[in-house]
Amino acid sequence: RPLWRGDYEKAAICFQRGMDQAYREGSLRILMKCCGNLGTCYSCLNQLEKTRECYAAASRMARSLGRLKDMAIMAYNLATTELQLGLPEDALRHLLEQPWNEAVYFQKLAICYEQLGQKDKSRSALNQALTAPMTVLLDGTPGETEEIRGIFKQICELIRIRLDDANYLKNPEYGNILIACIRSMKKQLPMGFVQFHAGWLEEWYVANRQYHKAHEVLRTFFINRTK
């Protein structure tokens, strides 16, 4: 699938065509789904205004259809975009507006509080992340696998280390977990999810003077994704 592989321009064209067809057929549910997925494409391209526009429209459709879970998912996706662009206040507001009893929701909540310097709230959200259900995989499909849960535990451990160790960038355990986690994510998860976490990998390589590897992270995940 183009969205999974990271071919966001092609995916956006497909979802736009889907919206056009859904409009002609009068299917509000399909129109909502395509509009939300189009927002995800713009999110992965770091086009914040278009992301917000698509998610706002899709959320209005979801509300009219009574699909509260879809509204929560889109608020989560928008918050993820805002976190990646350095807007934790906006991300926190959107998460709190649409609470969702899902592991990944609490993980993003923990990152919001971490970036806002509210460590106690971050730890509380992180504990909830580890005990909350995972009713959707990190790629959006139903269910849970042992591999996915293992990756998620690694992600949470990285947050915990950052909270507890002010010098985490010199902590070999942090680097080992981070590199292994990114490697596993690339095999198991869509490119957009990997991209969200790649910034910490670039930060690690720069802090440890591995500049060539830092450049490879930037080239792979970020260059030409902000048009």
C-alpha atoms as a PDB file:
ATOM      1  CA  ARG A   1       0.000   0.000   0.000  1.00  0.00           C
ATOM      2  CA  PRO A   2       1.343   3.468  -0.868  1.00  0.00           C
ATOM      3  CA  LEU A   3       0.528   4.908   2.572  1.00  0.00           C
ATOM      4  CA  TRP A   4       2.302   2.037   4.352  1.00  0.00           C
ATOM      5  CA  ARG A   5       5.376   2.255   2.112  1.00  0.00           C
ATOM      6  CA  GLY A   6       5.697   6.020   2.520  1.00  0.00           C
ATOM      7  CA  ASP A   7       4.622   6.978  -1.002  1.00  0.00           C
ATOM      8  CA  TYR A   8       2.400   9.731   0.366  1.00  0.00           C
ATOM      9  CA  GLU A   9       1.898  11.669  -2.853  1.00  0.00           C
ATOM     10  CA  LYS A  10       0.533   8.577  -4.623  1.00  0.00           C
ATOM     11  CA  ALA A  11      -1.590   7.671  -1.599  1.00  0.00           C
ATOM     12  CA  ALA A  12      -3.032  11.194  -1.504  1.00  0.00           C
ATOM     13  CA  ILE A  13      -4.094  10.915  -5.150  1.00  0.00           C
ATOM     14  CA  CYS A  14      -5.815   7.592  -4.423  1.00  0.00           C
ATOM     15  CA  PHE A  15      -7.702   8.961  -1.416  1.00  0.00           C
ATOM     16  CA  GLN A  16      -8.743  12.076  -3.322  1.00  0.00           C
ATOM     17  CA  ARG A  17     -10.174   9.868  -6.063  1.00  0.00           C
ATOM     18  CA  GLY A  18     -11.912   7.822  -3.373  1.00  0.00           C
ATOM     19  CA  MET A  19     -13.481  10.983  -1.978  1.00  0.00           C
ATOM     20  CA  ASP A  20     -14.723  11.975  -5.425  1.00  0.00           C
ATOM     21  CA  GLN A  21     -16.267   8.545  -5.979  1.00  0.00           C
ATOM     22  CA  ALA A  22     -17.834   8.474  -2.508  1.00  0.00           C
ATOM     23  CA  TYR A  23     -19.349  11.898  -3.123  1.00  0.00           C
ATOM     24  CA  ARG A  24     -20.879  10.726  -6.399  1.00  0.00           C
ATOM     25  CA  GLU A  25     -22.276   7.627  -4.717  1.00  0.00           C
ATOM     26  CA  GLY A  26     -23.504   9.512  -1.665  1.00  0.00           C
ATOM     27  CA  SER A  27     -21.506   7.418   0.807  1.00  0.00           C
ATOM     28  CA  LEU A  28     -20.708   9.647   3.771  1.00  0.00           C
ATOM     29  CA  ARG A  29     -18.888   6.845   5.597  1.00  0.00           C
ATOM     30  CA  ILE A  30     -16.457   6.216   2.729  1.00  0.00           C
ATOM     31  CA  LEU A  31     -16.057   9.957   2.202  1.00  0.00           C
ATOM     32  CA  MET A  32     -15.136  10.329   5.873  1.00  0.00           C
ATOM     33  CA  LYS A  33     -12.626   7.475   5.738  1.00  0.00           C
ATOM     34  CA  CYS A  34     -10.922   8.788   2.607  1.00  0.00           C
ATOM     35  CA  CYS A  35     -10.804  12.340   3.958  1.00  0.00           C
ATOM     36  CA  GLY A  36      -9.236  11.109   7.205  1.00  0.00           C
ATOM     37  CA  ASN A  37      -6.660   9.046   5.331  1.00  0.00           C
ATOM     38  CA  LEU A  38      -5.877  12.045   3.133  1.00  0.00           C
ATOM     39  CA  GLY A  39      -5.179  13.953   6.345  1.00  0.00           C
ATOM     40  CA  THR A  40      -2.774  11.184   7.355  1.00  0.00           C
ATOM     41  CA  CYS A  41      -0.913  11.605   4.061  1.00  0.00           C
ATOM     42  CA  TYR A  42      -0.521  15.328   4.683  1.00  0.00           C
ATOM     43  CA  SER A  43       0.517  14.556   8.259  1.00  0.00           C
ATOM     44  CA  CYS A  44       3.366  12.340   7.055  1.00  0.00           C
ATOM     45  CA  LEU A  45       4.405  15.115   4.671  1.00  0.00           C
ATOM     46  CA  ASN A  46       4.435  17.584   7.619  1.00  0.00           C
ATOM     47  CA  GLN A  47       1.843  19.792   5.917  1.00  0.00           C
ATOM     48  CA  LEU A  48       0.121  20.889   9.098  1.00  0.00           C
ATOM     49  CA  GLU A  49      -2.577  23.197   7.750  1.00  0.00           C
ATOM     50  CA  LYS A  50      -3.784  20.661   5.193  1.00  0.00           C
ATOM     51  CA  THR A  51      -3.647  17.970   7.869  1.00  0.00           C
ATOM     52  CA  ARG A  52      -5.829  20.046  10.175  1.00  0.00           C
ATOM     53  CA  GLU A  53      -8.241  20.869   7.360  1.00  0.00           C
ATOM     54  CA  CYS A  54      -8.752  17.235   6.379  1.00  0.00           C
ATOM     55  CA  TYR A  55      -9.094  15.939   9.932  1.00  0.00           C
ATOM     56  CA  ALA A  56     -11.542  18.723  10.826  1.00  0.00           C
ATOM     57  CA  ALA A  57     -13.752  17.850   7.858  1.00  0.00           C
ATOM     58  CA  ALA A  58     -13.515  14.113   8.514  1.00  0.00           C
ATOM     59  CA  SER A  59     -14.292  14.634  12.210  1.00  0.00           C
ATOM     60  CA  ARG A  60     -17.447  16.580  11.349  1.00  0.00           C
ATOM     61  CA  MET A  61     -18.569  13.702   9.163  1.00  0.00           C
ATOM     62  CA  ALA A  62     -17.702  11.174  11.871  1.00  0.00           C
ATOM     63  CA  ARG A  63     -19.707  13.157  14.425  1.00  0.00           C
ATOM     64  CA  SER A  64     -22.769  13.196  12.151  1.00  0.00           C
ATOM     65  CA  LEU A  65     -22.418   9.430  11.734  1.00  0.00           C
ATOM     66  CA  GLY A  66     -22.015   8.900  15.484  1.00  0.00           C
ATOM     67  CA  ARG A  67     -18.560   7.354  15.014  1.00  0.00           C
ATOM     68  CA  LEU A  68     -16.910   8.547  18.207  1.00  0.00           C
ATOM     69  CA  LYS A  69     -13.962   6.167  17.900  1.00  0.00           C
ATOM     70  CA  ASP A  70     -13.072   7.587  14.492  1.00  0.00           C
ATOM     71  CA  MET A  71     -13.135  11.071  16.005  1.00  0.00           C
ATOM     72  CA  ALA A  72     -10.719   9.955  18.735  1.00  0.00           C
ATOM     73  CA  ILE A  73      -8.391   8.344  16.202  1.00  0.00           C
ATOM     74  CA  MET A  74      -8.267  11.510  14.109  1.00  0.00           C
ATOM     75  CA  ALA A  75      -7.585  13.655  17.188  1.00  0.00           C
ATOM     76  CA  TYR A  76      -4.769  11.250  18.046  1.00  0.00           C
ATOM     77  CA  ASN A  77      -3.355  11.460  14.518  1.00  0.00           C
ATOM     78  CA  LEU A  78      -3.505  15.257  14.541  1.00  0.00           C
ATOM     79  CA  ALA A  79      -1.794  15.379  17.940  1.00  0.00           C
ATOM     80  CA  THR A  80       0.925  13.085  16.607  1.00  0.00           C
ATOM     81  CA  THR A  81       1.550  15.509  13.752  1.00  0.00           C
ATOM     82  CA  GLU A  82       1.708  18.463  16.120  1.00  0.00           C
ATOM     83  CA  LEU A  83       4.149  16.646  18.400  1.00  0.00           C
ATOM     84  CA  GLN A  84       6.413  15.898  15.449  1.00  0.00           C
ATOM     85  CA  LEU A  85       6.376  19.579  14.517  1.00  0.00           C
ATOM     86  CA  GLY A  86       7.227  20.745  18.034  1.00  0.00           C
ATOM     87  CA  LEU A  87       3.749  21.817  19.152  1.00  0.00           C
ATOM     88  CA  PRO A  88       3.137  19.832  22.362  1.00  0.00           C
ATOM     89  CA  GLU A  89       0.599  22.341  23.755  1.00  0.00           C
ATOM     90  CA  ASP A  90      -1.646  21.930  20.705  1.00  0.00           C
ATOM     91  CA  ALA A  91      -1.138  18.173  20.750  1.00  0.00           C
ATOM     92  CA  LEU A  92      -2.090  17.904  24.424  1.00  0.00           C
ATOM     93  CA  ARG A  93      -5.221  19.967  23.894  1.00  0.00           C
ATOM     94  CA  HIS A  94      -6.413  17.731  21.066  1.00  0.00           C
ATOM     95  CA  LEU A  95      -5.681  14.558  23.011  1.00  0.00           C
ATOM     96  CA  LEU A  96      -7.552  15.775  26.090  1.00  0.00           C
ATOM     97  CA  GLU A  97     -10.509  16.869  23.959  1.00  0.00           C
ATOM     98  CA  GLN A  98     -10.934  13.329  22.620  1.00  0.00           C
ATOM     99  CA  PRO A  99      -9.884  10.823  25.327  1.00  0.00           C
ATOM    100  CA  TRP A 100      -9.336   7.298  24.029  1.00  0.00           C
ATOM    101  CA  ASN A 101      -8.697   4.211  26.140  1.00  0.00           C
ATOM    102  CA  GLU A 102      -5.932   2.926  23.909  1.00  0.00           C
ATOM    103  CA  ALA A 103      -2.264   2.196  24.594  1.00  0.00           C
ATOM    104  CA  VAL A 104      -0.912   4.474  21.864  1.00  0.00           C
ATOM    105  CA  TYR A 105      -3.116   7.342  23.091  1.00  0.00           C
ATOM    106  CA  PHE A 106      -1.509   7.290  26.533  1.00  0.00           C
ATOM    107  CA  GLN A 107       1.946   6.942  24.972  1.00  0.00           C
ATOM    108  CA  LYS A 108       1.450  10.173  23.027  1.00  0.00           C
ATOM    109  CA  LEU A 109      -0.006  11.799  26.151  1.00  0.00           C
ATOM    110  CA  ALA A 110       3.171  10.822  28.014  1.00  0.00           C
ATOM    111  CA  ILE A 111       5.309  12.450  25.300  1.00  0.00           C
ATOM    112  CA  CYS A 112       3.231  15.645  25.474  1.00  0.00           C
ATOM    113  CA  TYR A 113       3.782  15.933  29.216  1.00  0.00           C
ATOM    114  CA  GLU A 114       7.451  14.988  28.807  1.00  0.00           C
ATOM    115  CA  GLN A 115       8.037  17.774  26.309  1.00  0.00           C
ATOM    116  CA  LEU A 116       6.165  20.238  28.522  1.00  0.00           C
ATOM    117  CA  GLY A 117       8.378  19.343  31.479  1.00  0.00           C
ATOM    118  CA  GLN A 118       5.552  17.753  33.504  1.00  0.00           C
ATOM    119  CA  LYS A 119       7.389  14.577  34.456  1.00  0.00           C
ATOM    120  CA  ASP A 120       4.956  13.245  37.060  1.00  0.00           C
ATOM    121  CA  LYS A 121       2.037  13.461  34.633  1.00  0.00           C
ATOM    122  CA  SER A 122       4.201  11.892  31.941  1.00  0.00           C
ATOM    123  CA  ARG A 123       5.045   8.923  34.178  1.00  0.00           C
ATOM    124  CA  SER A 124       1.368   8.492  35.074  1.00  0.00           C
ATOM    125  CA  ALA A 125       0.359   8.462  31.399  1.00  0.00           C
ATOM    126  CA  LEU A 126       3.188   6.049  30.635  1.00  0.00           C
ATOM    127  CA  ASN A 127       1.928   3.620  33.289  1.00  0.00           C
ATOM    128  CA  GLN A 128      -1.518   3.802  31.713  1.00  0.00           C
ATOM    129  CA  ALA A 129       0.000   3.151  28.284  1.00  0.00           C
ATOM    130  CA  LEU A 130       1.501  -0.122  29.502  1.00  0.00           C
ATOM    131  CA  THR A 131      -1.800  -1.383  30.945  1.00  0.00           C
ATOM    132  CA  ALA A 132      -4.309   0.021  28.443  1.00  0.00           C
ATOM    133  CA  PRO A 133      -5.766  -2.223  25.728  1.00  0.00           C
ATOM    134  CA  MET A 134      -4.331  -2.283  22.235  1.00  0.00           C
ATOM    135  CA  THR A 135      -7.470  -2.874  20.201  1.00  0.00           C
ATOM    136  CA  VAL A 136      -5.838  -1.695  17.003  1.00  0.00           C
ATOM    137  CA  LEU A 137      -2.358  -2.461  15.809  1.00  0.00           C
ATOM    138  CA  LEU A 138      -0.035   0.460  15.277  1.00  0.00           C
ATOM    139  CA  ASP A 139      -0.808   0.175  11.557  1.00  0.00           C
ATOM    140  CA  GLY A 140      -4.529   0.629  12.212  1.00  0.00           C
ATOM    141  CA  THR A 141      -5.648  -2.968  11.693  1.00  0.00           C
ATOM    142  CA  PRO A 142      -7.604  -4.887  14.362  1.00  0.00           C
ATOM    143  CA  GLY A 143      -5.940  -7.041  16.943  1.00  0.00           C
ATOM    144  CA  GLU A 144      -2.568  -7.348  18.626  1.00  0.00           C
ATOM    145  CA  THR A 145       0.526  -9.449  18.112  1.00  0.00           C
ATOM    146  CA  GLU A 146       3.374 -10.325  20.431  1.00  0.00           C
ATOM    147  CA  GLU A 147       5.819  -8.546  18.124  1.00  0.00           C
ATOM    148  CA  ILE A 148       3.810  -5.314  18.111  1.00  0.00           C
ATOM    149  CA  ARG A 149       3.375  -5.334  21.890  1.00  0.00           C
ATOM    150  CA  GLY A 150       7.126  -5.904  22.255  1.00  0.00           C
ATOM    151  CA  ILE A 151       7.914  -2.879  20.099  1.00  0.00           C
ATOM    152  CA  PHE A 152       5.446  -0.797  22.073  1.00  0.00           C
ATOM    153  CA  LYS A 153       7.082  -1.757  25.371  1.00  0.00           C
ATOM    154  CA  GLN A 154      10.442  -0.670  23.940  1.00  0.00           C
ATOM    155  CA  ILE A 155       8.969   2.696  22.923  1.00  0.00           C
ATOM    156  CA  CYS A 156       7.631   3.216  26.439  1.00  0.00           C
ATOM    157  CA  GLU A 157      10.961   2.233  27.968  1.00  0.00           C
ATOM    158  CA  LEU A 158      12.676   4.911  25.874  1.00  0.00           C
ATOM    159  CA  ILE A 159      10.325   7.539  27.292  1.00  0.00           C
ATOM    160  CA  ARG A 160      10.957   6.304  30.823  1.00  0.00           C
ATOM    161  CA  ILE A 161      14.719   6.539  30.372  1.00  0.00           C
ATOM    162  CA  ARG A 162      14.417  10.107  29.073  1.00  0.00           C
ATOM    163  CA  LEU A 163      12.304  11.015  32.100  1.00  0.00           C
ATOM    164  CA  ASP A 164      14.680   9.438  34.631  1.00  0.00           C
ATOM    165  CA  ASP A 165      18.082  10.212  33.106  1.00  0.00           C
ATOM    166  CA  ALA A 166      18.969  13.800  32.268  1.00  0.00           C
ATOM    167  CA  ASN A 167      22.036  12.469  30.393  1.00  0.00           C
ATOM    168  CA  TYR A 168      20.107   9.846  28.405  1.00  0.00           C
ATOM    169  CA  LEU A 169      21.995  10.767  25.236  1.00  0.00           C
ATOM    170  CA  LYS A 170      25.144   9.370  26.825  1.00  0.00           C
ATOM    171  CA  ASN A 171      23.364   6.295  28.181  1.00  0.00           C
ATOM    172  CA  PRO A 172      24.383   3.214  26.120  1.00  0.00           C
ATOM    173  CA  GLU A 173      21.240   1.332  27.180  1.00  0.00           C
ATOM    174  CA  TYR A 174      19.073   4.083  25.708  1.00  0.00           C
ATOM    175  CA  GLY A 175      20.980   4.001  22.411  1.00  0.00           C
ATOM    176  CA  ASN A 176      20.829   0.212  22.150  1.00  0.00           C
ATOM    177  CA  ILE A 177      17.079   0.113  22.794  1.00  0.00           C
ATOM    178  CA  LEU A 178      16.444   3.006  20.403  1.00  0.00           C
ATOM    179  CA  ILE A 179      18.399   1.481  17.513  1.00  0.00           C
ATOM    180  CA  ALA A 180      16.811  -1.955  18.025  1.00  0.00           C
ATOM    181  CA  CYS A 181      13.363  -0.386  18.288  1.00  0.00           C
ATOM    182  CA  ILE A 182      13.701   1.579  15.037  1.00  0.00           C
ATOM    183  CA  ARG A 183      14.993  -1.527  13.287  1.00  0.00           C
ATOM    184  CA  SER A 184      11.972  -3.541  14.455  1.00  0.00           C
ATOM    185  CA  MET A 185       9.533  -0.771  13.544  1.00  0.00           C
ATOM    186  CA  LYS A 186      10.891  -0.612   9.987  1.00  0.00           C
ATOM    187  CA  LYS A 187      10.051  -4.308   9.589  1.00  0.00           C
ATOM    188  CA  GLN A 188       6.652  -4.321  11.282  1.00  0.00           C
ATOM    189  CA  LEU A 189       5.081  -0.862  11.023  1.00  0.00           C
ATOM    190  CA  PRO A 190       4.135   1.741   8.417  1.00  0.00           C
ATOM    191  CA  MET A 191       6.672   4.377   7.465  1.00  0.00           C
ATOM    192  CA  GLY A 192       4.709   7.188   9.100  1.00  0.00           C
ATOM    193  CA  PHE A 193       5.002   5.594  12.525  1.00  0.00           C
ATOM    194  CA  VAL A 194       8.731   5.008  12.069  1.00  0.00           C
ATOM    195  CA  GLN A 195       9.175   8.589  10.899  1.00  0.00           C
ATOM    196  CA  PHE A 196       7.604   9.932  14.100  1.00  0.00           C
ATOM    197  CA  HIS A 197      10.276   8.228  16.217  1.00  0.00           C
ATOM    198  CA  ALA A 198      13.214   8.814  13.852  1.00  0.00           C
ATOM    199  CA  GLY A 199      13.890  12.267  15.280  1.00  0.00           C
ATOM    200  CA  TRP A 200      15.156  10.707  18.503  1.00  0.00           C
ATOM    201  CA  LEU A 201      17.483   8.465  16.497  1.00  0.00           C
ATOM    202  CA  GLU A 202      18.930  11.470  14.670  1.00  0.00           C
ATOM    203  CA  GLU A 203      19.342  13.218  18.033  1.00  0.00           C
ATOM    204  CA  TRP A 204      21.217  10.196  19.406  1.00  0.00           C
ATOM    205  CA  TYR A 205      23.621   9.992  16.470  1.00  0.00           C
ATOM    206  CA  VAL A 206      24.407  13.724  16.583  1.00  0.00           C
ATOM    207  CA  ALA A 207      25.005  13.654  20.354  1.00  0.00           C
ATOM    208  CA  ASN A 208      27.412  10.762  19.876  1.00  0.00           C
ATOM    209  CA  ARG A 209      29.155  12.368  16.870  1.00  0.00           C
ATOM    210  CA  GLN A 210      27.960   9.776  14.384  1.00  0.00           C
ATOM    211  CA  TYR A 211      27.187  12.445  11.827  1.00  0.00           C
ATOM    212  CA  HIS A 212      27.046  10.219   8.764  1.00  0.00           C
ATOM    213  CA  LYS A 213      24.382   8.064  10.386  1.00  0.00           C
ATOM    214  CA  ALA A 214      22.496  11.186  11.483  1.00  0.00           C
ATOM    215  CA  HIS A 215      22.515  12.403   7.894  1.00  0.00           C
ATOM    216  CA  GLU A 216      21.183   9.039   6.708  1.00  0.00           C
ATOM    217  CA  VAL A 217      18.271   9.341   9.132  1.00  0.00           C
ATOM    218  CA  LEU A 218      17.475  12.819   7.834  1.00  0.00           C
ATOM    219  CA  ARG A 219      17.776  11.715   4.221  1.00  0.00           C
ATOM    220  CA  THR A 220      15.647   8.607   4.723  1.00  0.00           C
ATOM    221  CA  PHE A 221      12.830  10.027   6.824  1.00  0.00           C
ATOM    222  CA  PHE A 222      12.659  13.798   6.437  1.00  0.00           C
ATOM    223  CA  ILE A 223      14.261  15.243   3.315  1.00  0.00           C
ATOM    224  CA  ASN A 224      11.633  15.908   0.616  1.00  0.00           C
ATOM    225  CA  ARG A 225       8.820  15.152   3.114  1.00  0.00           C
ATOM    226  CA  THR A 226       8.042  18.763   3.976  1.00  0.00           C
ATOM    227  CA  LYS A 227       6.905  20.138   0.639  1.00  0.00           C
END
